[in-house]
Amino acid sequence: MKDLIQALQILNKYGDPEWPTHCEHDELFIMIDPSIVSKEDKKILKKLGIEPSEDGETFHSFKFGSA
């Protein structure tokens, strides 16, 4: 739980979307544009289990999915 909270605190610096998350097929999506997130924060997020999604428009995680 602490890894998820830390990741969300990092991403909160980059925006506060009205609908911040979405789960689909055991995958959590966080609606923050990876292009605006610093390289340093992306490294931390990766260690926490969250990475930019393939489309490059959001972040995603299987570690914190819906299963």
PDB file of N, CA and C in Angstrom:
ATOM      1  N   MET A   1       0.812  -1.186   0.000  1.00  0.00           N
ATOM      2  CA  MET A   1       0.000   0.000   0.000  1.00  0.00           C
ATOM      3  C   MET A   1       0.869   1.269   0.000  1.00  0.00           C
ATOM      4  N   LYS A   2       1.985   1.235   0.740  1.00  0.00           N
ATOM      5  CA  LYS A   2       2.816   2.440   0.816  1.00  0.00           C
ATOM      6  C   LYS A   2       3.437   2.790  -0.537  1.00  0.00           C
ATOM      7  N   ASP A   3       3.751   1.778  -1.360  1.00  0.00           N
ATOM      8  CA  ASP A   3       4.305   2.057  -2.690  1.00  0.00           C
ATOM      9  C   ASP A   3       3.279   2.787  -3.557  1.00  0.00           C
ATOM     10  N   LEU A   4       2.039   2.362  -3.500  1.00  0.00           N
ATOM     11  CA  LEU A   4       0.978   3.011  -4.279  1.00  0.00           C
ATOM     12  C   LEU A   4       0.772   4.446  -3.809  1.00  0.00           C
ATOM     13  N   ILE A   5       0.728   4.655  -2.509  1.00  0.00           N
ATOM     14  CA  ILE A   5       0.539   6.008  -1.968  1.00  0.00           C
ATOM     15  C   ILE A   5       1.700   6.905  -2.377  1.00  0.00           C
ATOM     16  N   GLN A   6       2.922   6.403  -2.280  1.00  0.00           N
ATOM     17  CA  GLN A   6       4.090   7.198  -2.678  1.00  0.00           C
ATOM     18  C   GLN A   6       4.020   7.556  -4.160  1.00  0.00           C
ATOM     19  N   ALA A   7       3.648   6.593  -4.991  1.00  0.00           N
ATOM     20  CA  ALA A   7       3.548   6.844  -6.434  1.00  0.00           C
ATOM     21  C   ALA A   7       2.485   7.901  -6.736  1.00  0.00           C
ATOM     22  N   LEU A   8       1.349   7.801  -6.082  1.00  0.00           N
ATOM     23  CA  LEU A   8       0.281   8.779  -6.322  1.00  0.00           C
ATOM     24  C   LEU A   8       0.689  10.172  -5.841  1.00  0.00           C
ATOM     25  N   GLN A   9       1.448  10.252  -4.763  1.00  0.00           N
ATOM     26  CA  GLN A   9       1.938  11.549  -4.295  1.00  0.00           C
ATOM     27  C   GLN A   9       2.896  12.169  -5.304  1.00  0.00           C
ATOM     28  N   ILE A  10       3.732  11.346  -5.899  1.00  0.00           N
ATOM     29  CA  ILE A  10       4.648  11.849  -6.930  1.00  0.00           C
ATOM     30  C   ILE A  10       3.852  12.360  -8.122  1.00  0.00           C
ATOM     31  N   LEU A  11       2.908  11.562  -8.602  1.00  0.00           N
ATOM     32  CA  LEU A  11       2.144  11.939  -9.788  1.00  0.00           C
ATOM     33  C   LEU A  11       1.219  13.124  -9.538  1.00  0.00           C
ATOM     34  N   ASN A  12       0.812  13.322  -8.311  1.00  0.00           N
ATOM     35  CA  ASN A  12      -0.057  14.452  -7.971  1.00  0.00           C
ATOM     36  C   ASN A  12       0.632  15.795  -8.239  1.00  0.00           C
ATOM     37  N   LYS A  13       1.964  15.815  -8.239  1.00  0.00           N
ATOM     38  CA  LYS A  13       2.708  17.037  -8.553  1.00  0.00           C
ATOM     39  C   LYS A  13       2.464  17.482  -9.994  1.00  0.00           C
ATOM     40  N   TYR A  14       2.059  16.547 -10.837  1.00  0.00           N
ATOM     41  CA  TYR A  14       1.936  16.811 -12.269  1.00  0.00           C
ATOM     42  C   TYR A  14       0.494  16.987 -12.736  1.00  0.00           C
ATOM     43  N   GLY A  15      -0.433  16.991 -11.831  1.00  0.00           N
ATOM     44  CA  GLY A  15      -1.821  17.212 -12.204  1.00  0.00           C
ATOM     45  C   GLY A  15      -2.772  16.581 -11.211  1.00  0.00           C
ATOM     46  N   ASP A  16      -3.997  17.029 -11.262  1.00  0.00           N
ATOM     47  CA  ASP A  16      -5.039  16.529 -10.377  1.00  0.00           C
ATOM     48  C   ASP A  16      -6.298  16.290 -11.211  1.00  0.00           C
ATOM     49  N   PRO A  17      -6.278  15.256 -12.084  1.00  0.00           N
ATOM     50  CA  PRO A  17      -7.415  15.024 -12.973  1.00  0.00           C
ATOM     51  C   PRO A  17      -8.690  14.668 -12.203  1.00  0.00           C
ATOM     52  N   GLU A  18      -9.807  15.040 -12.774  1.00  0.00           N
ATOM     53  CA  GLU A  18     -11.101  14.737 -12.159  1.00  0.00           C
ATOM     54  C   GLU A  18     -11.304  13.234 -12.026  1.00  0.00           C
ATOM     55  N   TRP A  19     -10.861  12.477 -13.007  1.00  0.00           N
ATOM     56  CA  TRP A  19     -10.962  11.013 -13.012  1.00  0.00           C
ATOM     57  C   TRP A  19      -9.531  10.460 -13.079  1.00  0.00           C
ATOM     58  N   PRO A  20      -8.848  10.334 -11.942  1.00  0.00           N
ATOM     59  CA  PRO A  20      -7.402  10.049 -11.948  1.00  0.00           C
ATOM     60  C   PRO A  20      -7.000   8.622 -12.291  1.00  0.00           C
ATOM     61  N   THR A  21      -7.880   7.642 -12.077  1.00  0.00           N
ATOM     62  CA  THR A  21      -7.489   6.249 -12.318  1.00  0.00           C
ATOM     63  C   THR A  21      -8.563   5.493 -13.079  1.00  0.00           C
ATOM     64  N   HIS A  22      -8.115   4.371 -13.647  1.00  0.00           N
ATOM     65  CA  HIS A  22      -9.012   3.483 -14.382  1.00  0.00           C
ATOM     66  C   HIS A  22      -8.402   2.082 -14.318  1.00  0.00           C
ATOM     67  N   CYS A  23      -9.206   1.079 -14.006  1.00  0.00           N
ATOM     68  CA  CYS A  23      -8.723  -0.305 -14.017  1.00  0.00           C
ATOM     69  C   CYS A  23      -9.389  -1.078 -15.143  1.00  0.00           C
ATOM     70  N   GLU A  24      -8.585  -1.886 -15.806  1.00  0.00           N
ATOM     71  CA  GLU A  24      -9.090  -2.686 -16.926  1.00  0.00           C
ATOM     72  C   GLU A  24      -8.184  -3.902 -17.083  1.00  0.00           C
ATOM     73  N   HIS A  25      -8.774  -5.076 -17.116  1.00  0.00           N
ATOM     74  CA  HIS A  25      -8.019  -6.317 -17.332  1.00  0.00           C
ATOM     75  C   HIS A  25      -6.820  -6.431 -16.394  1.00  0.00           C
ATOM     76  N   ASP A  26      -7.072  -6.221 -15.105  1.00  0.00           N
ATOM     77  CA  ASP A  26      -6.046  -6.348 -14.065  1.00  0.00           C
ATOM     78  C   ASP A  26      -4.902  -5.350 -14.204  1.00  0.00           C
ATOM     79  N   GLU A  27      -5.181  -4.223 -14.811  1.00  0.00           N
ATOM     80  CA  GLU A  27      -4.170  -3.200 -15.032  1.00  0.00           C
ATOM     81  C   GLU A  27      -4.719  -1.859 -14.551  1.00  0.00           C
ATOM     82  N   LEU A  28      -3.956  -1.164 -13.718  1.00  0.00           N
ATOM     83  CA  LEU A  28      -4.325   0.157 -13.226  1.00  0.00           C
ATOM     84  C   LEU A  28      -3.729   1.210 -14.150  1.00  0.00           C
ATOM     85  N   PHE A  29      -4.554   2.144 -14.584  1.00  0.00           N
ATOM     86  CA  PHE A  29      -4.089   3.277 -15.382  1.00  0.00           C
ATOM     87  C   PHE A  29      -4.226   4.542 -14.544  1.00  0.00           C
ATOM     88  N   ILE A  30      -3.223   5.409 -14.611  1.00  0.00           N
ATOM     89  CA  ILE A  30      -3.239   6.688 -13.916  1.00  0.00           C
ATOM     90  C   ILE A  30      -3.139   7.770 -14.984  1.00  0.00           C
ATOM     91  N   MET A  31      -4.117   8.639 -15.007  1.00  0.00           N
ATOM     92  CA  MET A  31      -4.302   9.586 -16.100  1.00  0.00           C
ATOM     93  C   MET A  31      -3.417  10.829 -15.992  1.00  0.00           C
ATOM     94  N   ILE A  32      -2.124  10.591 -15.963  1.00  0.00           N
ATOM     95  CA  ILE A  32      -1.131  11.664 -15.997  1.00  0.00           C
ATOM     96  C   ILE A  32      -0.247  11.432 -17.218  1.00  0.00           C
ATOM     97  N   ASP A  33      -0.012  12.475 -17.984  1.00  0.00           N
ATOM     98  CA  ASP A  33       0.804  12.403 -19.196  1.00  0.00           C
ATOM     99  C   ASP A  33       2.280  12.190 -18.828  1.00  0.00           C
ATOM    100  N   PRO A  34       2.864  11.061 -19.212  1.00  0.00           N
ATOM    101  CA  PRO A  34       4.271  10.790 -18.874  1.00  0.00           C
ATOM    102  C   PRO A  34       5.260  11.820 -19.423  1.00  0.00           C
ATOM    103  N   SER A  35       4.909  12.502 -20.494  1.00  0.00           N
ATOM    104  CA  SER A  35       5.852  13.453 -21.097  1.00  0.00           C
ATOM    105  C   SER A  35       6.130  14.658 -20.200  1.00  0.00           C
ATOM    106  N   ILE A  36       5.286  14.911 -19.205  1.00  0.00           N
ATOM    107  CA  ILE A  36       5.503  16.055 -18.323  1.00  0.00           C
ATOM    108  C   ILE A  36       6.180  15.658 -17.003  1.00  0.00           C
ATOM    109  N   VAL A  37       6.418  14.368 -16.817  1.00  0.00           N
ATOM    110  CA  VAL A  37       7.011  13.858 -15.573  1.00  0.00           C
ATOM    111  C   VAL A  37       8.530  13.783 -15.736  1.00  0.00           C
ATOM    112  N   SER A  38       9.247  14.243 -14.739  1.00  0.00           N
ATOM    113  CA  SER A  38      10.711  14.259 -14.812  1.00  0.00           C
ATOM    114  C   SER A  38      11.287  12.842 -14.917  1.00  0.00           C
ATOM    115  N   LYS A  39      12.470  12.741 -15.507  1.00  0.00           N
ATOM    116  CA  LYS A  39      13.147  11.445 -15.621  1.00  0.00           C
ATOM    117  C   LYS A  39      13.416  10.854 -14.249  1.00  0.00           C
ATOM    118  N   GLU A  40      13.777  11.710 -13.313  1.00  0.00           N
ATOM    119  CA  GLU A  40      14.059  11.258 -11.954  1.00  0.00           C
ATOM    120  C   GLU A  40      12.809  10.629 -11.311  1.00  0.00           C
ATOM    121  N   ASP A  41      11.667  11.299 -11.466  1.00  0.00           N
ATOM    122  CA  ASP A  41      10.425  10.753 -10.904  1.00  0.00           C
ATOM    123  C   ASP A  41      10.007   9.466 -11.626  1.00  0.00           C
ATOM    124  N   LYS A  42      10.244   9.388 -12.933  1.00  0.00           N
ATOM    125  CA  LYS A  42       9.921   8.155 -13.662  1.00  0.00           C
ATOM    126  C   LYS A  42      10.739   6.973 -13.150  1.00  0.00           C
ATOM    127  N   LYS A  43      11.997   7.215 -12.792  1.00  0.00           N
ATOM    128  CA  LYS A  43      12.841   6.144 -12.239  1.00  0.00           C
ATOM    129  C   LYS A  43      12.275   5.657 -10.912  1.00  0.00           C
ATOM    130  N   ILE A  44      11.860   6.584 -10.070  1.00  0.00           N
ATOM    131  CA  ILE A  44      11.268   6.215  -8.780  1.00  0.00           C
ATOM    132  C   ILE A  44       9.966   5.448  -9.000  1.00  0.00           C
ATOM    133  N   LEU A  45       9.129   5.950  -9.899  1.00  0.00           N
ATOM    134  CA  LEU A  45       7.849   5.290 -10.187  1.00  0.00           C
ATOM    135  C   LEU A  45       8.058   3.863 -10.690  1.00  0.00           C
ATOM    136  N   LYS A  46       9.062   3.664 -11.532  1.00  0.00           N
ATOM    137  CA  LYS A  46       9.343   2.325 -12.037  1.00  0.00           C
ATOM    138  C   LYS A  46       9.695   1.372 -10.895  1.00  0.00           C
ATOM    139  N   LYS A  47      10.493   1.839  -9.947  1.00  0.00           N
ATOM    140  CA  LYS A  47      10.838   1.016  -8.785  1.00  0.00           C
ATOM    141  C   LYS A  47       9.598   0.688  -7.948  1.00  0.00           C
ATOM    142  N   LEU A  48       8.623   1.591  -7.963  1.00  0.00           N
ATOM    143  CA  LEU A  48       7.394   1.394  -7.206  1.00  0.00           C
ATOM    144  C   LEU A  48       6.381   0.523  -7.948  1.00  0.00           C
ATOM    145  N   GLY A  49       6.640   0.246  -9.236  1.00  0.00           N
ATOM    146  CA  GLY A  49       5.758  -0.628 -10.009  1.00  0.00           C
ATOM    147  C   GLY A  49       4.836   0.092 -10.974  1.00  0.00           C
ATOM    148  N   ILE A  50       5.148   1.343 -11.299  1.00  0.00           N
ATOM    149  CA  ILE A  50       4.307   2.135 -12.212  1.00  0.00           C
ATOM    150  C   ILE A  50       5.195   2.684 -13.327  1.00  0.00           C
ATOM    151  N   GLU A  51       4.750   2.490 -14.587  1.00  0.00           N
ATOM    152  CA  GLU A  51       5.530   2.920 -15.746  1.00  0.00           C
ATOM    153  C   GLU A  51       4.624   3.578 -16.777  1.00  0.00           C
ATOM    154  N   PRO A  52       5.199   4.343 -17.715  1.00  0.00           N
ATOM    155  CA  PRO A  52       4.378   4.872 -18.808  1.00  0.00           C
ATOM    156  C   PRO A  52       3.744   3.721 -19.593  1.00  0.00           C
ATOM    157  N   SER A  53       2.511   3.906 -19.998  1.00  0.00           N
ATOM    158  CA  SER A  53       1.838   2.884 -20.796  1.00  0.00           C
ATOM    159  C   SER A  53       2.386   2.895 -22.227  1.00  0.00           C
ATOM    160  N   GLU A  54       2.054   1.859 -22.978  1.00  0.00           N
ATOM    161  CA  GLU A  54       2.580   1.733 -24.350  1.00  0.00           C
ATOM    162  C   GLU A  54       2.162   2.892 -25.243  1.00  0.00           C
ATOM    163  N   ASP A  55       0.959   3.424 -25.035  1.00  0.00           N
ATOM    164  CA  ASP A  55       0.500   4.523 -25.883  1.00  0.00           C
ATOM    165  C   ASP A  55       1.165   5.854 -25.526  1.00  0.00           C
ATOM    166  N   GLY A  56       1.870   5.899 -24.383  1.00  0.00           N
ATOM    167  CA  GLY A  56       2.579   7.097 -23.984  1.00  0.00           C
ATOM    168  C   GLY A  56       1.692   8.205 -23.449  1.00  0.00           C
ATOM    169  N   GLU A  57       0.405   7.905 -23.205  1.00  0.00           N
ATOM    170  CA  GLU A  57      -0.526   8.942 -22.756  1.00  0.00           C
ATOM    171  C   GLU A  57      -0.850   8.872 -21.270  1.00  0.00           C
ATOM    172  N   THR A  58      -0.565   7.741 -20.631  1.00  0.00           N
ATOM    173  CA  THR A  58      -0.882   7.540 -19.219  1.00  0.00           C
ATOM    174  C   THR A  58       0.225   6.707 -18.577  1.00  0.00           C
ATOM    175  N   PHE A  59       0.094   6.488 -17.282  1.00  0.00           N
ATOM    176  CA  PHE A  59       0.934   5.526 -16.589  1.00  0.00           C
ATOM    177  C   PHE A  59       0.092   4.275 -16.333  1.00  0.00           C
ATOM    178  N   HIS A  60       0.764   3.135 -16.123  1.00  0.00           N
ATOM    179  CA  HIS A  60       0.027   1.912 -15.844  1.00  0.00           C
ATOM    180  C   HIS A  60       0.805   1.034 -14.878  1.00  0.00           C
ATOM    181  N   SER A  61       0.078   0.079 -14.284  1.00  0.00           N
ATOM    182  CA  SER A  61       0.693  -0.861 -13.369  1.00  0.00           C
ATOM    183  C   SER A  61      -0.098  -2.152 -13.322  1.00  0.00           C
ATOM    184  N   PHE A  62       0.598  -3.254 -13.428  1.00  0.00           N
ATOM    185  CA  PHE A  62      -0.032  -4.555 -13.183  1.00  0.00           C
ATOM    186  C   PHE A  62       0.047  -4.894 -11.698  1.00  0.00           C
ATOM    187  N   LYS A  63       1.007  -4.307 -11.000  1.00  0.00           N
ATOM    188  CA  LYS A  63       1.179  -4.555  -9.566  1.00  0.00           C
ATOM    189  C   LYS A  63      -0.052  -4.105  -8.777  1.00  0.00           C
ATOM    190  N   PHE A  64      -0.674  -3.015  -9.203  1.00  0.00           N
ATOM    191  CA  PHE A  64      -1.825  -2.453  -8.490  1.00  0.00           C
ATOM    192  C   PHE A  64      -3.112  -2.609  -9.291  1.00  0.00           C
ATOM    193  N   GLY A  65      -3.204  -3.634 -10.108  1.00  0.00           N
ATOM    194  CA  GLY A  65      -4.379  -3.860 -10.933  1.00  0.00           C
ATOM    195  C   GLY A  65      -5.612  -4.247 -10.138  1.00  0.00           C
ATOM    196  N   SER A  66      -6.637  -4.635 -10.832  1.00  0.00           N
ATOM    197  CA  SER A  66      -7.956  -4.838 -10.222  1.00  0.00           C
ATOM    198  C   SER A  66      -8.230  -6.259  -9.739  1.00  0.00           C
ATOM    199  N   ALA A  67      -7.302  -7.172  -9.873  1.00  0.00           N
ATOM    200  CA  ALA A  67      -7.581  -8.566  -9.519  1.00  0.00           C
ATOM    201  C   ALA A  67      -7.584  -8.817  -8.048  1.00  0.00           C
TER     202      ALA A  67
END
